[in-house]
């Protein structure tokens, strides 16, 4: 793409930051917008924005237009992500929340496969974006054809049983006991998940002397571990509490990071990566689904919007920060960097638990 658009390859980082920034902004606005148009219509709007933006990507001939199309793409992602998580947290069980996030993993795996097909057989990234965009448009049409299924929860943002009489401001949300700890917890978690996804292969190649092909395959298995783990967590959530699943996931992540710190043989590195991915699986869905219980259903949508914003901030800012550290110092700090966020995550989990216990 960068060759055809006449820019440096590193310019992709700017596109990523525009998308992430727009997603954060949309997530923060979801509570107010859902009150005006309803949750179902907001999800539909988000899906439509994503579809139009993806088709726009396929038609772009310069980098500026690519950046402009990135704004509605990010906004659509934010509307869909924050609203869907709010709806599932308020109206469905923990197993549905875990499976919702498991299918994120399925989609994240299918997208690159589709793009690879068009790159190999048509030598065209534009055709790949066009196909996915048209696929998304077809999905938007099917969504609105079945919109009546959303009617029971369409106005959950304005339902007196599940919403505040008025939208909460960011300042009001932050004054709720435990919210600050919850937001930092989301930031730490996504910092770990995204940093591993982006930099684990480089660490394995540069520091642990793996081949590039092997390192890439192992990272693919890491995302597979998250996806499979979330399907499994859906079943485990019937027997175990959110707190137990979060503690188990955190312990597995810590064990995986510890293995990365040790001078172990290469097969144990794969075990470490799988443990981190499998440990990541239940944490995000469990924390989201627990939000109405922790902070009240009437506050849930506003708080979940901020949780999603902090999660995107963690995935947007923390991997590039490690990239700076790695290039300026050394890639060997990869497990130390992860360990720092893991330790901070554990502190936030315990602190949040104390805050919630003090209110009861």
Protein backbone atom coordinates (compact mmCIF):
# COMPACT_ATOMS: atom_id res chain seq x y z
CA UNK A 1 0.00 0.00 0.00
CA UNK A 2 2.72 2.46 0.96
CA UNK A 3 4.51 1.94 -2.37
CA UNK A 4 1.38 2.62 -4.41
CA UNK A 5 0.38 5.60 -2.26
CA UNK A 6 3.90 7.06 -2.35
CA UNK A 7 4.59 7.20 1.41
CA UNK A 8 6.90 5.48 3.87
CA UNK A 9 5.87 2.12 5.33
CA UNK A 10 5.95 3.67 8.78
CA UNK A 11 3.00 5.86 7.74
CA UNK A 12 0.80 2.90 8.56
CA UNK A 13 1.34 3.81 12.20
CA UNK A 14 -0.40 7.15 11.62
CA UNK A 15 -3.40 5.40 10.06
CA UNK A 16 -3.54 3.05 13.06
CA UNK A 17 -3.46 5.98 15.50
CA UNK A 18 -6.23 7.84 13.62
CA UNK A 19 -8.44 4.73 13.70
CA UNK A 20 -7.71 4.16 17.40
CA UNK A 21 -8.27 7.82 18.29
CA UNK A 22 -11.63 7.86 16.49
CA UNK A 23 -12.58 4.61 18.24
CA UNK A 24 -11.78 6.09 21.65
CA UNK A 25 -13.83 9.21 20.89
CA UNK A 26 -16.80 7.13 19.70
CA UNK A 27 -16.68 4.87 22.78
CA UNK A 28 -16.79 7.92 25.05
CA UNK A 29 -19.86 9.27 23.20
CA UNK A 30 -21.82 6.01 23.16
CA UNK A 31 -23.83 6.62 26.33
CA UNK A 32 -25.24 9.95 25.12
CA UNK A 33 -25.85 8.75 21.55
CA UNK A 34 -27.55 5.52 22.64
CA UNK A 35 -29.99 7.60 24.70
CA UNK A 36 -30.94 9.58 21.61
CA UNK A 37 -31.19 6.88 18.94
CA UNK A 38 -31.27 3.60 20.91
CA UNK A 39 -28.66 0.86 21.20
CA UNK A 40 -29.77 -1.11 18.15
CA UNK A 41 -29.71 1.87 15.79
CA UNK A 42 -26.30 2.90 17.13
CA UNK A 43 -24.88 -0.56 16.37
CA UNK A 44 -26.41 -0.35 12.88
CA UNK A 45 -24.89 3.10 12.36
CA UNK A 46 -21.49 1.80 13.45
CA UNK A 47 -21.67 -1.16 11.08
CA UNK A 48 -22.66 1.14 8.20
CA UNK A 49 -19.79 3.55 8.90
CA UNK A 50 -17.32 0.66 8.89
CA UNK A 51 -18.69 -0.73 5.62
CA UNK A 52 -18.56 2.63 3.82
CA UNK A 53 -15.04 3.31 5.14
CA UNK A 54 -13.74 -0.09 3.99
CA UNK A 55 -15.14 0.46 0.50
CA UNK A 56 -13.57 3.94 0.64
CA UNK A 57 -10.22 2.32 1.47
CA UNK A 58 -10.50 0.23 -1.68
CA UNK A 59 -11.06 3.33 -3.86
CA UNK A 60 -8.38 5.56 -2.35
CA UNK A 61 -5.51 6.75 -4.52
CA UNK A 62 -3.59 8.88 -2.01
CA UNK A 63 -2.54 8.78 1.62
CA UNK A 64 -4.62 11.77 2.74
CA UNK A 65 -7.88 10.13 1.66
CA UNK A 66 -6.78 6.94 3.42
CA UNK A 67 -6.41 8.95 6.63
CA UNK A 68 -9.82 10.58 6.10
CA UNK A 69 -11.54 7.22 5.60
CA UNK A 70 -9.85 6.02 8.79
CA UNK A 71 -12.03 8.38 10.85
CA UNK A 72 -15.44 6.79 10.05
CA UNK A 73 -13.84 3.34 10.30
CA UNK A 74 -12.65 4.06 13.83
CA UNK A 75 -15.92 5.75 14.81
CA UNK A 76 -17.92 2.78 13.57
CA UNK A 77 -15.70 0.36 15.47
CA UNK A 78 -16.16 2.36 18.66
CA UNK A 79 -19.96 2.52 18.33
CA UNK A 80 -20.24 -1.23 17.68
CA UNK A 81 -17.70 -2.31 20.29
CA UNK A 82 -18.88 -0.20 23.22
CA UNK A 83 -22.60 -0.62 22.52
CA UNK A 84 -22.49 -4.38 21.94
CA UNK A 85 -20.48 -4.89 25.13
CA UNK A 86 -22.98 -2.78 27.07
CA UNK A 87 -25.98 -4.65 25.65
CA UNK A 88 -24.50 -8.09 26.36
CA UNK A 89 -23.37 -7.07 29.86
CA UNK A 90 -26.88 -5.82 30.70
CA UNK A 91 -29.05 -8.41 28.96
CA UNK A 92 -27.12 -11.64 28.50
CA UNK A 93 -25.16 -14.20 30.50
CA UNK A 94 -21.41 -14.46 31.00
CA UNK A 95 -21.12 -17.28 28.46
CA UNK A 96 -22.55 -15.03 25.72
CA UNK A 97 -20.05 -12.32 26.64
CA UNK A 98 -17.14 -14.75 26.33
CA UNK A 99 -18.44 -16.09 23.03
CA UNK A 100 -18.93 -12.56 21.72
CA UNK A 101 -15.23 -11.92 22.27
CA UNK A 102 -14.30 -15.37 20.96
CA UNK A 103 -15.91 -14.47 17.64
CA UNK A 104 -13.78 -11.33 17.62
CA UNK A 105 -10.86 -13.77 17.43
CA UNK A 106 -12.54 -15.65 14.60
CA UNK A 107 -13.01 -12.45 12.63
CA UNK A 108 -9.47 -11.30 13.39
CA UNK A 109 -8.24 -14.58 11.88
CA UNK A 110 -10.50 -14.56 8.81
CA UNK A 111 -9.71 -10.96 7.77
CA UNK A 112 -5.99 -11.51 7.05
CA UNK A 113 -6.82 -14.77 5.23
CA UNK A 114 -9.19 -12.91 2.89
CA UNK A 115 -6.64 -10.17 2.29
CA UNK A 116 -3.88 -12.73 1.65
CA UNK A 117 -6.06 -14.42 -0.98
CA UNK A 118 -6.49 -11.19 -2.94
CA UNK A 119 -2.81 -10.30 -2.60
CA UNK A 120 -1.71 -13.70 -3.90
CA UNK A 121 -4.28 -14.24 -6.66
CA UNK A 122 -5.00 -10.69 -7.79
CA UNK A 123 -1.98 -8.81 -6.44
CA UNK A 124 -4.41 -6.17 -5.16
CA UNK A 125 -4.91 -4.92 -1.63
CA UNK A 126 -7.71 -2.66 -2.96
CA UNK A 127 -9.72 -5.69 -4.11
CA UNK A 128 -9.33 -7.21 -0.66
CA UNK A 129 -10.71 -4.10 1.05
CA UNK A 130 -13.51 -3.88 -1.50
CA UNK A 131 -14.57 -7.48 -0.89
CA UNK A 132 -14.57 -7.07 2.90
CA UNK A 133 -16.39 -3.73 2.58
CA UNK A 134 -19.11 -5.25 0.36
CA UNK A 135 -19.36 -8.20 2.75
CA UNK A 136 -19.87 -5.70 5.55
CA UNK A 137 -22.56 -3.86 3.55
CA UNK A 138 -24.41 -7.16 3.09
CA UNK A 139 -24.16 -7.69 6.84
CA UNK A 140 -25.56 -4.18 7.46
CA UNK A 141 -28.54 -5.04 5.25
CA UNK A 142 -29.15 -8.31 7.12
CA UNK A 143 -28.85 -6.46 10.43
CA UNK A 144 -31.63 -4.01 9.57
CA UNK A 145 -33.81 -6.78 8.07
CA UNK A 146 -33.71 -8.49 11.47
CA UNK A 147 -33.86 -5.25 13.45
CA UNK A 148 -37.12 -6.22 15.17
CA UNK A 149 -35.09 -8.67 17.26
CA UNK A 150 -33.45 -5.61 18.85
CA UNK A 151 -36.73 -4.00 19.89
CA UNK A 152 -36.80 -5.44 23.44
CA UNK A 153 -33.42 -3.85 24.16
CA UNK A 154 -33.42 -1.02 21.62
CA UNK A 155 -33.93 1.62 24.29
CA UNK A 156 -31.89 0.05 27.11
CA UNK A 157 -29.95 3.30 27.45
CA UNK A 158 -33.13 5.14 28.41
CA UNK A 159 -34.79 2.31 30.36
CA UNK A 160 -35.23 3.57 33.93
CA UNK A 161 -34.14 0.17 35.26
CA UNK A 162 -30.81 0.16 33.43
CA UNK A 163 -29.88 3.81 32.92
CA UNK A 164 -29.35 7.05 34.76
CA UNK A 165 -32.05 9.70 34.14
CA UNK A 166 -29.35 11.75 32.42
CA UNK A 167 -26.07 10.84 30.75
CA UNK A 168 -23.11 10.84 33.09
CA UNK A 169 -20.19 13.13 32.34
CA UNK A 170 -16.64 11.76 32.42
CA UNK A 171 -16.06 13.64 35.69
CA UNK A 172 -19.13 12.02 37.25
CA UNK A 173 -18.06 8.56 36.11
CA UNK A 174 -14.60 9.03 37.63
CA UNK A 175 -16.10 9.93 41.02
CA UNK A 176 -17.73 6.48 41.31
CA UNK A 177 -15.73 4.35 43.74
CA UNK A 178 -13.57 1.79 41.95
CA UNK A 179 -13.95 3.20 38.43
CA UNK A 180 -10.40 4.61 38.25
CA UNK A 181 -8.94 1.24 39.23
CA UNK A 182 -11.17 -0.49 36.68
CA UNK A 183 -10.03 1.83 33.88
CA UNK A 184 -6.35 1.32 34.68
CA UNK A 185 -6.98 -2.43 34.82
CA UNK A 186 -8.33 -2.37 31.26
CA UNK A 187 -5.37 -0.31 30.07
CA UNK A 188 -2.88 -2.75 31.61
CA UNK A 189 -4.63 -5.80 30.20
CA UNK A 190 -4.78 -4.50 26.62
CA UNK A 191 -1.18 -3.28 26.90
CA UNK A 192 -0.13 -6.88 27.56
CA UNK A 193 -2.37 -8.44 24.90
CA UNK A 194 -1.44 -5.96 22.15
CA UNK A 195 2.28 -5.81 22.96
CA UNK A 196 2.56 -9.59 22.80
CA UNK A 197 0.64 -9.67 19.53
CA UNK A 198 2.84 -7.02 17.93
CA UNK A 199 6.31 -7.69 19.36
CA UNK A 200 6.52 -11.36 20.42
CA UNK A 201 7.68 -12.48 16.95
CA UNK A 202 10.44 -9.84 16.89
CA UNK A 203 11.57 -10.88 20.38
CA UNK A 204 11.70 -14.55 19.35
CA UNK A 205 13.70 -13.78 16.20
CA UNK A 206 16.12 -11.20 17.62
CA UNK A 207 16.68 -12.57 21.13
CA UNK A 208 15.71 -16.26 21.04
CA UNK A 209 17.05 -16.96 17.53
CA UNK A 210 13.88 -18.47 16.05
CA UNK A 211 13.23 -18.30 12.32
CA UNK A 212 10.82 -15.65 11.11
CA UNK A 213 8.40 -18.30 9.85
CA UNK A 214 8.33 -20.11 13.20
CA UNK A 215 7.91 -16.87 15.14
CA UNK A 216 5.00 -15.77 12.94
CA UNK A 217 3.30 -19.16 13.34
CA UNK A 218 3.68 -19.03 17.11
CA UNK A 219 2.08 -15.58 17.30
CA UNK A 220 -0.81 -16.90 15.21
CA UNK A 221 -1.18 -19.69 17.77
CA UNK A 222 -1.19 -17.04 20.50
CA UNK A 223 -4.29 -15.41 18.99
CA UNK A 224 -5.72 -18.87 18.50
CA UNK A 225 -5.20 -19.50 22.21
CA UNK A 226 -7.18 -16.37 23.06
CA UNK A 227 -10.02 -17.42 20.74
CA UNK A 228 -10.20 -21.05 21.95
CA UNK A 229 -9.82 -19.88 25.54
CA UNK A 230 -12.83 -17.58 25.22
CA UNK A 231 -15.01 -20.34 23.80
CA UNK A 232 -13.94 -22.52 26.74
CA UNK A 233 -14.45 -19.67 29.21
CA UNK A 234 -18.05 -19.43 28.04
CA UNK A 235 -18.64 -22.93 29.39
CA UNK A 236 -16.52 -22.39 32.52
CA UNK A 237 -18.47 -19.24 33.37
CA UNK A 238 -21.44 -21.46 34.23
CA UNK A 239 -19.42 -23.06 37.07
CA UNK A 240 -16.97 -20.33 38.05
CA UNK A 241 -17.42 -16.67 39.02
CA UNK A 242 -15.99 -13.73 37.09
CA UNK A 243 -13.50 -13.15 39.89
CA UNK A 244 -12.26 -16.74 39.72
CA UNK A 245 -11.85 -16.59 35.95
CA UNK A 246 -9.97 -13.27 36.13
CA UNK A 247 -7.67 -14.62 38.85
CA UNK A 248 -7.03 -17.81 36.88
CA UNK A 249 -6.30 -15.87 33.70
CA UNK A 250 -3.96 -13.49 35.54
CA UNK A 251 -2.06 -16.42 37.06
CA UNK A 252 -1.58 -18.05 33.64
CA UNK A 253 -0.31 -14.78 32.16
CA UNK A 254 2.14 -14.41 35.04
CA UNK A 255 3.38 -17.98 34.57
CA UNK A 256 3.87 -17.38 30.85
CA UNK A 257 5.84 -14.18 31.44
CA UNK A 258 7.99 -15.98 34.02
CA UNK A 259 8.87 -18.64 31.43
CA UNK A 260 9.90 -15.90 28.99
CA UNK A 261 12.25 -14.49 31.62
CA UNK A 262 14.02 -17.86 32.10
CA UNK A 263 16.70 -19.30 29.77
CA UNK A 264 14.43 -22.17 28.70
CA UNK A 265 14.54 -24.27 25.53
CA UNK A 266 12.57 -23.13 22.50
CA UNK A 267 9.57 -25.48 23.03
CA UNK A 268 8.96 -23.84 26.40
CA UNK A 269 8.73 -20.46 24.66
CA UNK A 270 5.72 -21.75 22.74
CA UNK A 271 4.24 -22.95 26.03
CA UNK A 272 4.85 -19.48 27.49
CA UNK A 273 3.12 -17.77 24.57
CA UNK A 274 0.17 -20.15 24.74
CA UNK A 275 -0.18 -19.59 28.51
CA UNK A 276 -0.28 -15.83 28.01
CA UNK A 277 -2.89 -16.12 25.25
CA UNK A 278 -4.98 -18.63 27.17
CA UNK A 279 -4.70 -16.47 30.29
CA UNK A 280 -5.82 -13.38 28.39
CA UNK A 281 -8.95 -15.17 27.19
CA UNK A 282 -11.37 -14.75 30.14
CA UNK A 283 -10.14 -11.44 31.56
CA UNK A 284 -11.62 -8.82 29.22
CA UNK A 285 -15.07 -10.46 28.82
CA UNK A 286 -15.35 -11.18 32.55
CA UNK A 287 -14.45 -7.62 33.55
CA UNK A 288 -16.96 -6.14 31.09
CA UNK A 289 -19.77 -8.48 32.10
CA UNK A 290 -19.16 -7.74 35.79
CA UNK A 291 -19.50 -3.97 35.29
CA UNK A 292 -23.29 -3.73 35.86
CA UNK A 293 -22.89 -5.79 39.05
CA UNK A 294 -19.91 -3.78 40.28
CA UNK A 295 -21.18 -0.29 39.52
CA UNK A 296 -24.93 -0.64 38.97
CA UNK A 297 -26.88 -1.33 35.78
CA UNK A 298 -27.89 2.36 35.63
CA UNK A 299 -24.20 3.38 35.35
CA UNK A 300 -23.05 0.48 33.18
CA UNK A 301 -23.27 1.96 29.69
CA UNK A 302 -21.34 5.12 30.56
CA UNK A 303 -18.67 3.17 32.44
CA UNK A 304 -18.30 0.50 29.74
CA UNK A 305 -17.77 3.27 27.18
CA UNK A 306 -14.88 4.61 29.25
CA UNK A 307 -13.52 1.10 29.83
CA UNK A 308 -13.43 0.53 26.08
CA UNK A 309 -11.72 3.90 25.59
CA UNK A 310 -8.98 3.02 28.09
CA UNK A 311 -8.65 -0.43 26.54
CA UNK A 312 -8.05 1.12 23.12
CA UNK A 313 -5.62 3.61 24.66
CA UNK A 314 -3.62 0.70 26.08
CA UNK A 315 -3.50 -1.12 22.75
CA UNK A 316 -2.70 2.08 20.84
CA UNK A 317 0.03 3.57 23.04
CA UNK A 318 1.81 0.78 24.89
CA UNK A 319 3.06 -1.39 21.98
CA UNK A 320 4.71 1.63 20.27
CA UNK A 321 6.27 2.53 23.62
CA UNK A 322 7.92 -0.88 23.78
CA UNK A 323 9.03 -0.46 20.18
CA UNK A 324 10.84 2.71 21.23
CA UNK A 325 12.41 0.95 24.21
CA UNK A 326 13.47 -2.01 22.06
CA UNK A 327 15.14 0.12 19.41
CA UNK A 328 16.81 2.47 21.88
CA UNK A 329 17.86 -0.15 24.46
CA UNK A 330 17.24 -3.84 23.74
CA UNK A 331 14.59 -6.40 22.77
CA UNK A 332 15.58 -8.47 25.82
CA UNK A 333 13.40 -6.14 27.92
CA UNK A 334 10.25 -7.60 26.31
CA UNK A 335 9.32 -9.95 29.21
CA UNK A 336 10.30 -7.27 31.75
CA UNK A 337 7.98 -4.78 30.04
CA UNK A 338 5.15 -7.31 30.08
CA UNK A 339 5.90 -8.16 33.69
CA UNK A 340 5.60 -4.52 34.71
CA UNK A 341 2.10 -4.22 33.24
CA UNK A 342 1.15 -7.61 34.68
CA UNK A 343 2.21 -6.50 38.17
CA UNK A 344 0.27 -3.24 37.81
CA UNK A 345 -2.74 -5.23 36.57
CA UNK A 346 -2.61 -7.48 39.66
CA UNK A 347 -2.43 -4.40 41.90
CA UNK A 348 -5.48 -2.91 40.17
CA UNK A 349 -7.41 -6.20 40.51
CA UNK A 350 -6.75 -6.33 44.26
CA UNK A 351 -7.38 -2.60 44.74
CA UNK A 352 -10.65 -2.77 42.80
CA UNK A 353 -11.74 -5.75 44.87
CA UNK A 354 -11.10 -3.81 48.09
CA UNK A 355 -12.96 -0.77 46.77
CA UNK A 356 -15.98 -2.85 45.86
CA UNK A 357 -15.90 -4.75 49.17
CA UNK A 358 -15.81 -1.49 51.16
CA UNK A 359 -19.11 -0.40 49.55
CA UNK A 360 -21.02 -3.51 50.64
